[in-house]
Structure formats: C-alpha cells, structure tokens
Amino acid sequence: MWTEITRRKHARKGLRYSSDLTDQEWAVLEPLIPSRSRLGRPAKWSLRTIINALLYILRGGLPWRMLPGDFPPMTTVQRYFYLWRDNGLWKKLNHLLLMLRVRPRGAWPRPPPG
C-alpha cells in the first residue's frame, strides 16, 4: 500500500521520465554492458539512453512505434534489446535493476546465477 513514506522513498524526481535510470543505477549496470566496437560509424546514442528507451517501452507496455522522438529510433532500440535478450544480458540487467529498486537501504544486489 502506498503511504507518504513509501511515495517519498520511491520517488524518482529529477528524471526526464520516471522509468529512466538514476546515476546510482547506471553505475551498477554500466560495467556489465560490453563496450562498442571501434569499427564502423561512431555511436550517435549513449547506451544509457538506449536502456532508458527500453525501460520506457517496457514500463508503459507500449508498442515500439510509440517511442517518443527524444529517444533513439525504434529500430536502434529494438536491435539492442534483441541482441541483449538473446545473449542473456538483458536478464542480468533487469534482475540487477529490480534488486536495486526494491532492496533495503545499504543492501547491495548480486547478479543472477548463470
């Protein structure tokens, strides 16, 4: 049940969208994400922005085409989602993010086995 205490505890003020990553969440997830290849065209979008776009879509249960214009193109976000889903990275990122968002103060999340 939501109370004033739990609302303050879980408030996500200062973020563009409530689904966006906080700096603390990004600091935990960033080391798990493989670096991009130095070959080819330089990246136009940061990986954090791509993850924020994925979280926006998933949080709202929206179709890909409803991704707002201030996020990367939906095909870019889809490509990363399918890659990370297929290699198991998305499961690890999602698990850690869940643990970060529901953990008691001071507890540190562990990556899922496997």
N, C-alpha and C. Protein backbone atom coordinates (compact mmCIF):
# COMPACT_ATOMS: atom_id res chain seq x y z
N MET A 1 0.83 -1.17 0.00
CA MET A 1 0.00 0.00 0.00
C MET A 1 0.88 1.24 0.00
N TRP A 2 0.51 2.22 -0.80
CA TRP A 2 1.28 3.46 -0.87
C TRP A 2 0.92 4.37 0.29
N THR A 3 1.96 4.82 0.98
CA THR A 3 1.81 5.83 2.02
C THR A 3 2.71 6.99 1.65
N GLU A 4 2.64 8.06 2.41
CA GLU A 4 3.51 9.21 2.12
C GLU A 4 4.98 8.81 2.26
N ILE A 5 5.28 7.93 3.19
CA ILE A 5 6.67 7.48 3.39
C ILE A 5 7.15 6.67 2.19
N THR A 6 6.33 5.73 1.72
CA THR A 6 6.76 4.91 0.58
C THR A 6 6.79 5.73 -0.70
N ARG A 7 5.90 6.69 -0.83
CA ARG A 7 5.94 7.55 -2.02
C ARG A 7 7.25 8.34 -2.06
N ARG A 8 7.68 8.89 -0.93
CA ARG A 8 8.94 9.64 -0.89
C ARG A 8 10.13 8.71 -1.14
N LYS A 9 10.07 7.52 -0.58
CA LYS A 9 11.17 6.56 -0.74
C LYS A 9 11.37 6.16 -2.20
N HIS A 10 10.28 6.00 -2.93
CA HIS A 10 10.35 5.53 -4.31
C HIS A 10 10.18 6.63 -5.35
N ALA A 11 10.18 7.88 -4.90
CA ALA A 11 10.04 8.99 -5.85
C ALA A 11 11.25 9.04 -6.77
N ARG A 12 11.03 9.40 -8.00
CA ARG A 12 12.11 9.45 -8.99
C ARG A 12 12.17 10.86 -9.57
N LYS A 13 12.30 11.82 -8.68
CA LYS A 13 12.32 13.23 -9.10
C LYS A 13 13.62 13.56 -9.80
N GLY A 14 13.55 14.52 -10.68
CA GLY A 14 14.74 14.99 -11.37
C GLY A 14 15.07 14.19 -12.62
N LEU A 15 14.27 13.20 -12.94
CA LEU A 15 14.49 12.40 -14.14
C LEU A 15 13.54 12.87 -15.23
N ARG A 16 13.95 12.73 -16.47
CA ARG A 16 13.10 13.11 -17.60
C ARG A 16 11.80 12.30 -17.59
N TYR A 17 11.94 10.98 -17.47
CA TYR A 17 10.79 10.08 -17.35
C TYR A 17 10.99 9.26 -16.07
N SER A 18 9.91 8.85 -15.45
CA SER A 18 10.03 8.10 -14.20
C SER A 18 10.67 6.72 -14.42
N SER A 19 10.71 6.25 -15.65
CA SER A 19 11.33 4.96 -15.95
C SER A 19 12.84 5.07 -16.16
N ASP A 20 13.38 6.29 -16.27
CA ASP A 20 14.81 6.47 -16.53
C ASP A 20 15.67 5.96 -15.38
N LEU A 21 16.92 5.62 -15.72
CA LEU A 21 17.88 5.17 -14.73
C LEU A 21 18.40 6.35 -13.91
N THR A 22 18.59 6.13 -12.62
CA THR A 22 19.27 7.12 -11.80
C THR A 22 20.77 6.94 -12.01
N ASP A 23 21.56 7.89 -11.54
CA ASP A 23 23.01 7.77 -11.67
C ASP A 23 23.53 6.55 -10.91
N GLN A 24 22.95 6.26 -9.76
CA GLN A 24 23.38 5.09 -8.98
C GLN A 24 23.06 3.79 -9.72
N GLU A 25 21.88 3.70 -10.31
CA GLU A 25 21.51 2.50 -11.06
C GLU A 25 22.43 2.33 -12.27
N TRP A 26 22.72 3.42 -12.97
CA TRP A 26 23.60 3.35 -14.13
C TRP A 26 25.00 2.91 -13.73
N ALA A 27 25.49 3.37 -12.59
CA ALA A 27 26.83 2.99 -12.12
C ALA A 27 26.93 1.49 -11.88
N VAL A 28 25.84 0.86 -11.48
CA VAL A 28 25.84 -0.59 -11.25
C VAL A 28 25.72 -1.35 -12.57
N LEU A 29 24.90 -0.86 -13.50
CA LEU A 29 24.66 -1.57 -14.75
C LEU A 29 25.77 -1.37 -15.79
N GLU A 30 26.37 -0.21 -15.83
CA GLU A 30 27.33 0.13 -16.88
C GLU A 30 28.48 -0.87 -17.03
N PRO A 31 29.10 -1.34 -15.93
CA PRO A 31 30.21 -2.29 -16.11
C PRO A 31 29.81 -3.62 -16.76
N LEU A 32 28.54 -3.97 -16.72
CA LEU A 32 28.09 -5.24 -17.30
C LEU A 32 27.89 -5.16 -18.81
N ILE A 33 27.76 -3.95 -19.33
CA ILE A 33 27.45 -3.77 -20.74
C ILE A 33 28.75 -3.78 -21.55
N PRO A 34 28.85 -4.67 -22.54
CA PRO A 34 30.08 -4.72 -23.34
C PRO A 34 30.31 -3.42 -24.09
N SER A 35 31.56 -3.05 -24.23
CA SER A 35 31.88 -1.82 -24.95
C SER A 35 31.58 -2.00 -26.43
N ARG A 36 31.35 -0.89 -27.08
CA ARG A 36 31.03 -0.93 -28.51
C ARG A 36 32.29 -1.12 -29.32
N SER A 37 32.11 -1.62 -30.52
CA SER A 37 33.23 -1.81 -31.44
C SER A 37 33.75 -0.46 -31.90
N ARG A 38 35.04 -0.36 -32.08
CA ARG A 38 35.64 0.88 -32.56
C ARG A 38 35.55 0.97 -34.09
N LEU A 39 35.14 -0.11 -34.71
CA LEU A 39 34.98 -0.12 -36.16
C LEU A 39 33.63 0.46 -36.55
N GLY A 40 33.57 0.97 -37.75
CA GLY A 40 32.31 1.49 -38.26
C GLY A 40 32.03 2.91 -37.83
N ARG A 41 30.81 3.31 -37.99
CA ARG A 41 30.37 4.66 -37.69
C ARG A 41 30.36 4.90 -36.17
N PRO A 42 30.75 6.09 -35.73
CA PRO A 42 30.68 6.39 -34.29
C PRO A 42 29.23 6.34 -33.80
N ALA A 43 29.08 5.93 -32.58
CA ALA A 43 27.74 5.81 -32.00
C ALA A 43 27.10 7.18 -31.82
N LYS A 44 25.85 7.29 -32.19
CA LYS A 44 25.12 8.56 -32.06
C LYS A 44 24.40 8.64 -30.71
N TRP A 45 24.05 7.49 -30.15
CA TRP A 45 23.27 7.43 -28.91
C TRP A 45 24.06 6.72 -27.83
N SER A 46 23.96 7.20 -26.61
CA SER A 46 24.64 6.53 -25.50
C SER A 46 23.87 5.26 -25.12
N LEU A 47 24.58 4.32 -24.54
CA LEU A 47 23.93 3.08 -24.11
C LEU A 47 22.92 3.36 -22.99
N ARG A 48 23.21 4.35 -22.17
CA ARG A 48 22.26 4.71 -21.11
C ARG A 48 20.94 5.20 -21.72
N THR A 49 21.01 5.98 -22.78
CA THR A 49 19.80 6.46 -23.44
C THR A 49 19.02 5.31 -24.05
N ILE A 50 19.73 4.34 -24.60
CA ILE A 50 19.08 3.17 -25.18
C ILE A 50 18.37 2.36 -24.10
N ILE A 51 19.03 2.16 -22.96
CA ILE A 51 18.39 1.44 -21.86
C ILE A 51 17.19 2.23 -21.34
N ASN A 52 17.32 3.54 -21.23
CA ASN A 52 16.18 4.35 -20.80
C ASN A 52 15.00 4.20 -21.76
N ALA A 53 15.27 4.12 -23.05
CA ALA A 53 14.21 3.92 -24.04
C ALA A 53 13.55 2.55 -23.85
N LEU A 54 14.36 1.53 -23.61
CA LEU A 54 13.81 0.20 -23.36
C LEU A 54 12.93 0.19 -22.12
N LEU A 55 13.40 0.83 -21.07
CA LEU A 55 12.62 0.87 -19.84
C LEU A 55 11.32 1.65 -20.02
N TYR A 56 11.35 2.69 -20.83
CA TYR A 56 10.14 3.47 -21.11
C TYR A 56 9.10 2.59 -21.81
N ILE A 57 9.54 1.87 -22.83
CA ILE A 57 8.64 0.98 -23.58
C ILE A 57 8.07 -0.11 -22.67
N LEU A 58 8.94 -0.74 -21.89
CA LEU A 58 8.51 -1.84 -21.05
C LEU A 58 7.63 -1.38 -19.90
N ARG A 59 7.95 -0.24 -19.32
CA ARG A 59 7.16 0.29 -18.20
C ARG A 59 5.74 0.62 -18.64
N GLY A 60 5.62 1.19 -19.83
CA GLY A 60 4.31 1.57 -20.32
C GLY A 60 3.58 0.48 -21.06
N GLY A 61 4.28 -0.62 -21.38
CA GLY A 61 3.66 -1.68 -22.16
C GLY A 61 3.27 -1.20 -23.55
N LEU A 62 4.12 -0.35 -24.11
CA LEU A 62 3.80 0.30 -25.39
C LEU A 62 4.37 -0.46 -26.57
N PRO A 63 3.77 -0.29 -27.74
CA PRO A 63 4.39 -0.82 -28.95
C PRO A 63 5.63 0.00 -29.30
N TRP A 64 6.53 -0.62 -30.03
CA TRP A 64 7.80 0.04 -30.39
C TRP A 64 7.56 1.40 -31.05
N ARG A 65 6.57 1.48 -31.89
CA ARG A 65 6.34 2.70 -32.66
C ARG A 65 5.89 3.89 -31.81
N MET A 66 5.55 3.66 -30.57
CA MET A 66 5.13 4.76 -29.70
C MET A 66 6.28 5.34 -28.88
N LEU A 67 7.49 4.99 -29.22
CA LEU A 67 8.66 5.54 -28.53
C LEU A 67 8.75 7.04 -28.84
N PRO A 68 8.83 7.91 -27.83
CA PRO A 68 8.89 9.35 -28.10
C PRO A 68 10.11 9.74 -28.94
N GLY A 69 10.00 10.87 -29.59
CA GLY A 69 11.05 11.33 -30.50
C GLY A 69 12.36 11.73 -29.84
N ASP A 70 12.36 11.93 -28.51
CA ASP A 70 13.62 12.30 -27.86
C ASP A 70 14.46 11.08 -27.48
N PHE A 71 14.00 9.90 -27.86
CA PHE A 71 14.78 8.67 -27.70
C PHE A 71 15.39 8.29 -29.05
N PRO A 72 16.31 7.33 -29.06
CA PRO A 72 16.85 6.86 -30.34
C PRO A 72 15.73 6.26 -31.20
N PRO A 73 16.00 6.09 -32.50
CA PRO A 73 15.00 5.45 -33.36
C PRO A 73 14.62 4.07 -32.83
N MET A 74 13.37 3.70 -33.04
CA MET A 74 12.89 2.42 -32.50
C MET A 74 13.69 1.23 -33.03
N THR A 75 14.19 1.32 -34.25
CA THR A 75 14.97 0.19 -34.80
C THR A 75 16.29 0.03 -34.05
N THR A 76 16.88 1.12 -33.63
CA THR A 76 18.12 1.07 -32.85
C THR A 76 17.85 0.42 -31.49
N VAL A 77 16.79 0.86 -30.83
CA VAL A 77 16.44 0.32 -29.52
C VAL A 77 16.07 -1.16 -29.64
N GLN A 78 15.32 -1.51 -30.68
CA GLN A 78 14.96 -2.92 -30.91
C GLN A 78 16.19 -3.78 -31.11
N ARG A 79 17.14 -3.29 -31.90
CA ARG A 79 18.35 -4.08 -32.19
C ARG A 79 19.10 -4.41 -30.91
N TYR A 80 19.28 -3.43 -30.03
CA TYR A 80 19.97 -3.69 -28.76
C TYR A 80 19.15 -4.61 -27.88
N PHE A 81 17.85 -4.41 -27.82
CA PHE A 81 17.02 -5.28 -26.99
C PHE A 81 17.13 -6.73 -27.44
N TYR A 82 16.99 -6.99 -28.74
CA TYR A 82 17.06 -8.36 -29.24
C TYR A 82 18.44 -8.97 -29.03
N LEU A 83 19.49 -8.19 -29.23
CA LEU A 83 20.85 -8.67 -29.00
C LEU A 83 21.04 -9.05 -27.54
N TRP A 84 20.66 -8.14 -26.65
CA TRP A 84 20.85 -8.39 -25.21
C TRP A 84 19.92 -9.48 -24.70
N ARG A 85 18.73 -9.59 -25.25
CA ARG A 85 17.82 -10.66 -24.86
C ARG A 85 18.41 -12.01 -25.26
N ASP A 86 18.92 -12.09 -26.49
CA ASP A 86 19.41 -13.37 -27.00
C ASP A 86 20.71 -13.81 -26.32
N ASN A 87 21.56 -12.87 -25.90
CA ASN A 87 22.81 -13.28 -25.24
C ASN A 87 22.70 -13.32 -23.72
N GLY A 88 21.51 -13.06 -23.17
CA GLY A 88 21.27 -13.19 -21.73
C GLY A 88 21.59 -11.94 -20.92
N LEU A 89 22.13 -10.92 -21.55
CA LEU A 89 22.50 -9.71 -20.82
C LEU A 89 21.27 -9.00 -20.27
N TRP A 90 20.19 -8.94 -21.03
CA TRP A 90 19.00 -8.21 -20.57
C TRP A 90 18.45 -8.82 -19.29
N LYS A 91 18.51 -10.15 -19.17
CA LYS A 91 18.02 -10.81 -17.96
C LYS A 91 18.85 -10.37 -16.75
N LYS A 92 20.17 -10.28 -16.92
CA LYS A 92 21.04 -9.84 -15.83
C LYS A 92 20.78 -8.38 -15.47
N LEU A 93 20.68 -7.52 -16.49
CA LEU A 93 20.43 -6.10 -16.24
C LEU A 93 19.09 -5.90 -15.54
N ASN A 94 18.09 -6.58 -16.02
CA ASN A 94 16.76 -6.46 -15.43
C ASN A 94 16.74 -6.94 -13.98
N HIS A 95 17.43 -8.05 -13.71
CA HIS A 95 17.48 -8.58 -12.34
C HIS A 95 18.18 -7.59 -11.41
N LEU A 96 19.31 -7.07 -11.84
CA LEU A 96 20.03 -6.11 -11.00
C LEU A 96 19.21 -4.85 -10.77
N LEU A 97 18.55 -4.39 -11.79
CA LEU A 97 17.74 -3.19 -11.66
C LEU A 97 16.58 -3.43 -10.69
N LEU A 98 15.96 -4.57 -10.78
CA LEU A 98 14.90 -4.92 -9.84
C LEU A 98 15.43 -4.95 -8.41
N MET A 99 16.59 -5.57 -8.21
CA MET A 99 17.17 -5.64 -6.87
C MET A 99 17.54 -4.25 -6.35
N LEU A 100 18.02 -3.39 -7.22
CA LEU A 100 18.35 -2.03 -6.80
C LEU A 100 17.11 -1.26 -6.38
N ARG A 101 16.04 -1.45 -7.09
CA ARG A 101 14.84 -0.65 -6.84
C ARG A 101 14.02 -1.15 -5.66
N VAL A 102 14.19 -2.40 -5.24
CA VAL A 102 13.40 -2.92 -4.12
C VAL A 102 14.24 -3.29 -2.90
N ARG A 103 15.53 -3.11 -2.98
CA ARG A 103 16.41 -3.54 -1.88
C ARG A 103 16.23 -2.63 -0.66
N PRO A 104 16.51 -3.19 0.52
CA PRO A 104 16.55 -2.33 1.71
C PRO A 104 17.78 -1.43 1.64
N ARG A 105 17.75 -0.34 2.33
CA ARG A 105 18.89 0.59 2.33
C ARG A 105 20.16 -0.13 2.77
N GLY A 106 21.24 0.12 2.02
CA GLY A 106 22.54 -0.46 2.37
C GLY A 106 22.81 -1.83 1.77
N ALA A 107 21.76 -2.54 1.35
CA ALA A 107 21.98 -3.87 0.75
C ALA A 107 22.44 -3.68 -0.69
N TRP A 108 23.31 -4.56 -1.13
CA TRP A 108 23.86 -4.46 -2.48
C TRP A 108 23.37 -5.64 -3.32
N PRO A 109 22.91 -5.40 -4.55
CA PRO A 109 22.38 -6.50 -5.35
C PRO A 109 23.48 -7.42 -5.88
N ARG A 110 23.13 -8.67 -6.03
CA ARG A 110 24.03 -9.64 -6.65
C ARG A 110 23.50 -10.01 -8.02
N PRO A 111 24.40 -10.22 -9.01
CA PRO A 111 23.90 -10.64 -10.32
C PRO A 111 23.29 -12.03 -10.23
N PRO A 112 22.32 -12.34 -11.10
CA PRO A 112 21.71 -13.65 -11.07
C PRO A 112 22.71 -14.72 -11.49
N PRO A 113 22.53 -15.95 -11.01
CA PRO A 113 23.45 -17.01 -11.42
C PRO A 113 23.34 -17.28 -12.92
N GLY A 114 24.47 -17.67 -13.49
CA GLY A 114 24.47 -18.05 -14.91
C GLY A 114 24.71 -16.95 -15.79
